[in-house]
């Protein structure tokens, strides 16, 4: 019997992926350079993962020496991967944070079209949750608050014409009401 004990590590997450209902990648980040290091390996793993999970009625799967937890909604599949020794509850906590923060960002309209329209904010949320495999935050409200963009915060050079006109209207309205 081998009494091999692994040292605790902050590097918990091996990867996070969001796939559509055809198994195509929408967003994926892999944090372990020793696991799935090439795009070809990642695509093959994602295809295998989707084929094993899209009809299953479970929340967890062991695949290629990784523990994968997942959740599906309408036309999206959310995956969080960790090592085969990783605590599943921690992985589920990250998965729930990812899903709930995206749900708040998209105002409960979690589907492919709205996710693609807000992909920049979703990528920011993913970076706020996990960095290089280390879990940074698990509170979806804090994540959605951090990534929320307000028109006041966007420099004029990056605003659209409609945003600039709306801002000018609001400033004019407030100056007339004084």
C-alpha atoms as a PDB file:
ATOM      1  CA  UNK A   1       0.000   0.000   0.000  1.00  0.00           C
ATOM      2  CA  UNK A   2       1.394   3.362  -1.016  1.00  0.00           C
ATOM      3  CA  UNK A   3       1.102   6.110   1.577  1.00  0.00           C
ATOM      4  CA  UNK A   4       1.853   8.840  -0.903  1.00  0.00           C
ATOM      5  CA  UNK A   5       0.446  12.129   0.373  1.00  0.00           C
ATOM      6  CA  UNK A   6       0.197  15.098  -1.951  1.00  0.00           C
ATOM      7  CA  UNK A   7       1.237  18.490  -0.682  1.00  0.00           C
ATOM      8  CA  UNK A   8      -1.603  21.023  -0.576  1.00  0.00           C
ATOM      9  CA  UNK A   9      -1.487  23.558  -3.369  1.00  0.00           C
ATOM     10  CA  UNK A  10      -3.262  26.729  -4.373  1.00  0.00           C
ATOM     11  CA  UNK A  11      -3.232  25.559  -8.007  1.00  0.00           C
ATOM     12  CA  UNK A  12      -6.594  23.846  -7.864  1.00  0.00           C
ATOM     13  CA  UNK A  13      -8.147  24.481 -11.281  1.00  0.00           C
ATOM     14  CA  UNK A  14      -6.714  22.772 -14.379  1.00  0.00           C
ATOM     15  CA  UNK A  15      -9.154  24.435 -16.760  1.00  0.00           C
ATOM     16  CA  UNK A  16     -12.501  26.113 -17.304  1.00  0.00           C
ATOM     17  CA  UNK A  17     -14.526  25.766 -20.496  1.00  0.00           C
ATOM     18  CA  UNK A  18     -17.854  26.901 -21.893  1.00  0.00           C
ATOM     19  CA  UNK A  19     -19.138  24.897 -24.856  1.00  0.00           C
ATOM     20  CA  UNK A  20     -22.257  25.299 -26.981  1.00  0.00           C
ATOM     21  CA  UNK A  21     -24.858  22.576 -27.525  1.00  0.00           C
ATOM     22  CA  UNK A  22     -22.826  21.190 -30.470  1.00  0.00           C
ATOM     23  CA  UNK A  23     -19.702  20.799 -28.334  1.00  0.00           C
ATOM     24  CA  UNK A  24     -17.937  23.749 -29.959  1.00  0.00           C
ATOM     25  CA  UNK A  25     -15.740  25.938 -27.771  1.00  0.00           C
ATOM     26  CA  UNK A  26     -17.072  29.359 -26.860  1.00  0.00           C
ATOM     27  CA  UNK A  27     -14.536  30.106 -24.159  1.00  0.00           C
ATOM     28  CA  UNK A  28     -11.843  27.955 -22.586  1.00  0.00           C
ATOM     29  CA  UNK A  29      -8.843  28.572 -20.361  1.00  0.00           C
ATOM     30  CA  UNK A  30      -6.367  25.897 -19.359  1.00  0.00           C
ATOM     31  CA  UNK A  31      -4.009  26.681 -16.507  1.00  0.00           C
ATOM     32  CA  UNK A  32      -1.718  23.636 -16.219  1.00  0.00           C
ATOM     33  CA  UNK A  33       1.053  23.706 -18.848  1.00  0.00           C
ATOM     34  CA  UNK A  34       1.673  19.958 -18.366  1.00  0.00           C
ATOM     35  CA  UNK A  35      -1.925  19.011 -19.105  1.00  0.00           C
ATOM     36  CA  UNK A  36      -3.547  19.707 -22.474  1.00  0.00           C
ATOM     37  CA  UNK A  37      -0.761  22.022 -23.576  1.00  0.00           C
ATOM     38  CA  UNK A  38      -1.648  22.251 -27.287  1.00  0.00           C
ATOM     39  CA  UNK A  39      -4.812  23.532 -28.920  1.00  0.00           C
ATOM     40  CA  UNK A  40      -5.242  20.195 -30.694  1.00  0.00           C
ATOM     41  CA  UNK A  41      -5.168  18.285 -27.382  1.00  0.00           C
ATOM     42  CA  UNK A  42      -7.602  20.771 -25.857  1.00  0.00           C
ATOM     43  CA  UNK A  43     -10.096  20.440 -28.739  1.00  0.00           C
ATOM     44  CA  UNK A  44      -9.895  16.631 -28.609  1.00  0.00           C
ATOM     45  CA  UNK A  45     -10.421  16.685 -24.828  1.00  0.00           C
ATOM     46  CA  UNK A  46     -13.380  19.080 -25.156  1.00  0.00           C
ATOM     47  CA  UNK A  47     -14.973  16.882 -27.837  1.00  0.00           C
ATOM     48  CA  UNK A  48     -14.539  13.785 -25.669  1.00  0.00           C
ATOM     49  CA  UNK A  49     -15.818  15.629 -22.586  1.00  0.00           C
ATOM     50  CA  UNK A  50     -18.893  16.911 -24.420  1.00  0.00           C
ATOM     51  CA  UNK A  51     -19.666  13.466 -25.888  1.00  0.00           C
ATOM     52  CA  UNK A  52     -19.523  11.922 -22.401  1.00  0.00           C
ATOM     53  CA  UNK A  53     -21.596  14.623 -20.691  1.00  0.00           C
ATOM     54  CA  UNK A  54     -24.191  16.085 -23.068  1.00  0.00           C
ATOM     55  CA  UNK A  55     -26.666  13.253 -22.516  1.00  0.00           C
ATOM     56  CA  UNK A  56     -25.668  12.341 -18.972  1.00  0.00           C
ATOM     57  CA  UNK A  57     -27.745  13.334 -16.004  1.00  0.00           C
ATOM     58  CA  UNK A  58     -24.865  13.745 -13.541  1.00  0.00           C
ATOM     59  CA  UNK A  59     -22.750  16.685 -12.426  1.00  0.00           C
ATOM     60  CA  UNK A  60     -19.307  15.086 -12.227  1.00  0.00           C
ATOM     61  CA  UNK A  61     -17.118  12.874 -14.385  1.00  0.00           C
ATOM     62  CA  UNK A  62     -13.580  11.494 -14.200  1.00  0.00           C
ATOM     63  CA  UNK A  63     -11.932  11.824 -17.604  1.00  0.00           C
ATOM     64  CA  UNK A  64      -8.270  11.526 -18.617  1.00  0.00           C
ATOM     65  CA  UNK A  65      -7.016  11.729 -15.005  1.00  0.00           C
ATOM     66  CA  UNK A  66      -9.069  14.852 -14.310  1.00  0.00           C
ATOM     67  CA  UNK A  67     -12.143  15.498 -12.231  1.00  0.00           C
ATOM     68  CA  UNK A  68     -14.636  17.489 -14.280  1.00  0.00           C
ATOM     69  CA  UNK A  69     -17.759  19.101 -12.869  1.00  0.00           C
ATOM     70  CA  UNK A  70     -20.318  20.596 -15.196  1.00  0.00           C
ATOM     71  CA  UNK A  71     -23.656  22.288 -15.546  1.00  0.00           C
ATOM     72  CA  UNK A  72     -25.824  22.815 -18.612  1.00  0.00           C
ATOM     73  CA  UNK A  73     -28.363  25.489 -19.414  1.00  0.00           C
ATOM     74  CA  UNK A  74     -30.440  25.965 -22.586  1.00  0.00           C
ATOM     75  CA  UNK A  75     -27.657  25.777 -25.208  1.00  0.00           C
ATOM     76  CA  UNK A  76     -24.513  26.100 -23.068  1.00  0.00           C
ATOM     77  CA  UNK A  77     -22.346  23.694 -21.079  1.00  0.00           C
ATOM     78  CA  UNK A  78     -20.102  25.004 -18.288  1.00  0.00           C
ATOM     79  CA  UNK A  79     -17.110  22.883 -17.196  1.00  0.00           C
ATOM     80  CA  UNK A  80     -14.533  23.208 -14.420  1.00  0.00           C
ATOM     81  CA  UNK A  81     -11.640  20.732 -14.412  1.00  0.00           C
ATOM     82  CA  UNK A  82      -9.247  19.814 -11.630  1.00  0.00           C
ATOM     83  CA  UNK A  83      -6.791  17.019 -10.890  1.00  0.00           C
ATOM     84  CA  UNK A  84      -8.090  13.564 -10.048  1.00  0.00           C
ATOM     85  CA  UNK A  85      -7.091  14.202  -6.401  1.00  0.00           C
ATOM     86  CA  UNK A  86      -8.985  17.491  -6.158  1.00  0.00           C
ATOM     87  CA  UNK A  87     -11.891  18.058  -3.810  1.00  0.00           C
ATOM     88  CA  UNK A  88     -15.087  18.005  -5.876  1.00  0.00           C
ATOM     89  CA  UNK A  89     -16.827  20.472  -3.553  1.00  0.00           C
ATOM     90  CA  UNK A  90     -14.223  23.132  -4.333  1.00  0.00           C
ATOM     91  CA  UNK A  91     -14.640  22.526  -8.071  1.00  0.00           C
ATOM     92  CA  UNK A  92     -18.440  22.738  -7.738  1.00  0.00           C
ATOM     93  CA  UNK A  93     -18.051  25.976  -5.783  1.00  0.00           C
ATOM     94  CA  UNK A  94     -16.053  27.485  -8.679  1.00  0.00           C
ATOM     95  CA  UNK A  95     -18.579  26.154 -11.197  1.00  0.00           C
ATOM     96  CA  UNK A  96     -21.506  27.662  -9.288  1.00  0.00           C
ATOM     97  CA  UNK A  97     -19.672  30.974  -8.976  1.00  0.00           C
ATOM     98  CA  UNK A  98     -18.972  30.987 -12.727  1.00  0.00           C
ATOM     99  CA  UNK A  99     -22.555  30.152 -13.656  1.00  0.00           C
ATOM    100  CA  UNK A 100     -24.187  32.509 -11.123  1.00  0.00           C
ATOM    101  CA  UNK A 101     -21.935  35.454 -11.992  1.00  0.00           C
ATOM    102  CA  UNK A 102     -22.610  34.962 -15.711  1.00  0.00           C
ATOM    103  CA  UNK A 103     -26.311  34.716 -14.906  1.00  0.00           C
ATOM    104  CA  UNK A 104     -26.147  38.049 -13.063  1.00  0.00           C
ATOM    105  CA  UNK A 105     -24.089  39.684 -15.822  1.00  0.00           C
ATOM    106  CA  UNK A 106     -26.536  38.492 -18.497  1.00  0.00           C
ATOM    107  CA  UNK A 107     -29.551  39.338 -16.312  1.00  0.00           C
ATOM    108  CA  UNK A 108     -30.696  35.699 -16.021  1.00  0.00           C
ATOM    109  CA  UNK A 109     -30.617  35.294 -19.837  1.00  0.00           C
ATOM    110  CA  UNK A 110     -27.922  32.601 -19.954  1.00  0.00           C
ATOM    111  CA  UNK A 111     -27.891  31.494 -23.573  1.00  0.00           C
ATOM    112  CA  UNK A 112     -25.332  31.430 -26.364  1.00  0.00           C
ATOM    113  CA  UNK A 113     -26.450  34.581 -28.177  1.00  0.00           C
ATOM    114  CA  UNK A 114     -26.397  36.838 -25.122  1.00  0.00           C
ATOM    115  CA  UNK A 115     -23.137  35.282 -23.893  1.00  0.00           C
ATOM    116  CA  UNK A 116     -21.481  36.007 -27.259  1.00  0.00           C
ATOM    117  CA  UNK A 117     -22.730  39.616 -27.168  1.00  0.00           C
ATOM    118  CA  UNK A 118     -21.159  40.064 -23.718  1.00  0.00           C
ATOM    119  CA  UNK A 119     -18.116  37.837 -24.184  1.00  0.00           C
ATOM    120  CA  UNK A 120     -15.691  40.565 -23.082  1.00  0.00           C
ATOM    121  CA  UNK A 121     -17.406  40.925 -19.701  1.00  0.00           C
ATOM    122  CA  UNK A 122     -17.685  37.138 -19.316  1.00  0.00           C
ATOM    123  CA  UNK A 123     -13.929  36.833 -19.946  1.00  0.00           C
ATOM    124  CA  UNK A 124     -13.298  39.464 -17.273  1.00  0.00           C
ATOM    125  CA  UNK A 125     -15.485  37.496 -14.866  1.00  0.00           C
ATOM    126  CA  UNK A 126     -13.544  34.327 -15.605  1.00  0.00           C
ATOM    127  CA  UNK A 127     -10.284  36.157 -14.870  1.00  0.00           C
ATOM    128  CA  UNK A 128     -11.720  37.482 -11.599  1.00  0.00           C
ATOM    129  CA  UNK A 129     -12.713  33.962 -10.499  1.00  0.00           C
ATOM    130  CA  UNK A 130      -9.485  32.138 -11.329  1.00  0.00           C
ATOM    131  CA  UNK A 131      -5.942  33.189 -12.237  1.00  0.00           C
ATOM    132  CA  UNK A 132      -3.328  30.604 -13.323  1.00  0.00           C
ATOM    133  CA  UNK A 133      -5.372  27.903 -11.596  1.00  0.00           C
ATOM    134  CA  UNK A 134      -5.651  29.711  -8.271  1.00  0.00           C
ATOM    135  CA  UNK A 135      -9.178  30.484  -7.077  1.00  0.00           C
ATOM    136  CA  UNK A 136      -9.416  34.208  -6.368  1.00  0.00           C
ATOM    137  CA  UNK A 137     -13.124  34.700  -5.648  1.00  0.00           C
ATOM    138  CA  UNK A 138     -16.170  32.509  -5.191  1.00  0.00           C
ATOM    139  CA  UNK A 139     -18.860  35.132  -4.583  1.00  0.00           C
ATOM    140  CA  UNK A 140     -20.845  35.726  -7.794  1.00  0.00           C
ATOM    141  CA  UNK A 141     -22.180  39.091  -6.587  1.00  0.00           C
ATOM    142  CA  UNK A 142     -18.649  40.384  -6.004  1.00  0.00           C
ATOM    143  CA  UNK A 143     -17.595  39.135  -9.441  1.00  0.00           C
ATOM    144  CA  UNK A 144     -20.520  40.757 -11.256  1.00  0.00           C
ATOM    145  CA  UNK A 145     -19.920  44.004  -9.347  1.00  0.00           C
ATOM    146  CA  UNK A 146     -16.228  44.074 -10.309  1.00  0.00           C
ATOM    147  CA  UNK A 147     -16.831  43.510 -14.016  1.00  0.00           C
ATOM    148  CA  UNK A 148     -19.830  45.832 -14.365  1.00  0.00           C
ATOM    149  CA  UNK A 149     -19.047  48.584 -16.852  1.00  0.00           C
ATOM    150  CA  UNK A 150     -20.796  51.889 -16.486  1.00  0.00           C
ATOM    151  CA  UNK A 151     -20.959  54.442 -19.266  1.00  0.00           C
ATOM    152  CA  UNK A 152     -19.422  57.047 -16.943  1.00  0.00           C
ATOM    153  CA  UNK A 153     -16.259  54.952 -16.648  1.00  0.00           C
ATOM    154  CA  UNK A 154     -15.665  54.568 -20.396  1.00  0.00           C
ATOM    155  CA  UNK A 155     -13.375  57.226 -21.927  1.00  0.00           C
ATOM    156  CA  UNK A 156     -15.044  59.355 -24.611  1.00  0.00           C
ATOM    157  CA  UNK A 157     -12.678  57.995 -27.272  1.00  0.00           C
ATOM    158  CA  UNK A 158     -14.014  54.466 -26.671  1.00  0.00           C
ATOM    159  CA  UNK A 159     -17.708  55.357 -26.462  1.00  0.00           C
ATOM    160  CA  UNK A 160     -20.061  54.908 -29.382  1.00  0.00           C
ATOM    161  CA  UNK A 161     -21.808  57.926 -30.866  1.00  0.00           C
ATOM    162  CA  UNK A 162     -25.079  56.874 -29.235  1.00  0.00           C
ATOM    163  CA  UNK A 163     -23.395  56.678 -25.822  1.00  0.00           C
ATOM    164  CA  UNK A 164     -21.824  60.122 -26.249  1.00  0.00           C
ATOM    165  CA  UNK A 165     -25.187  61.633 -27.305  1.00  0.00           C
ATOM    166  CA  UNK A 166     -26.962  59.972 -24.368  1.00  0.00           C
ATOM    167  CA  UNK A 167     -24.328  61.278 -21.957  1.00  0.00           C
ATOM    168  CA  UNK A 168     -24.622  64.791 -23.443  1.00  0.00           C
ATOM    169  CA  UNK A 169     -28.431  64.672 -23.130  1.00  0.00           C
ATOM    170  CA  UNK A 170     -28.195  63.661 -19.469  1.00  0.00           C
ATOM    171  CA  UNK A 171     -25.673  66.411 -18.687  1.00  0.00           C
ATOM    172  CA  UNK A 172     -27.814  69.011 -20.491  1.00  0.00           C
ATOM    173  CA  UNK A 173     -30.933  67.828 -18.650  1.00  0.00           C
ATOM    174  CA  UNK A 174     -29.208  68.094 -15.264  1.00  0.00           C
ATOM    175  CA  UNK A 175     -27.758  71.527 -16.069  1.00  0.00           C
ATOM    176  CA  UNK A 176     -31.243  72.829 -17.058  1.00  0.00           C
ATOM    177  CA  UNK A 177     -32.856  71.430 -13.910  1.00  0.00           C
ATOM    178  CA  UNK A 178     -30.448  73.261 -11.584  1.00  0.00           C
END
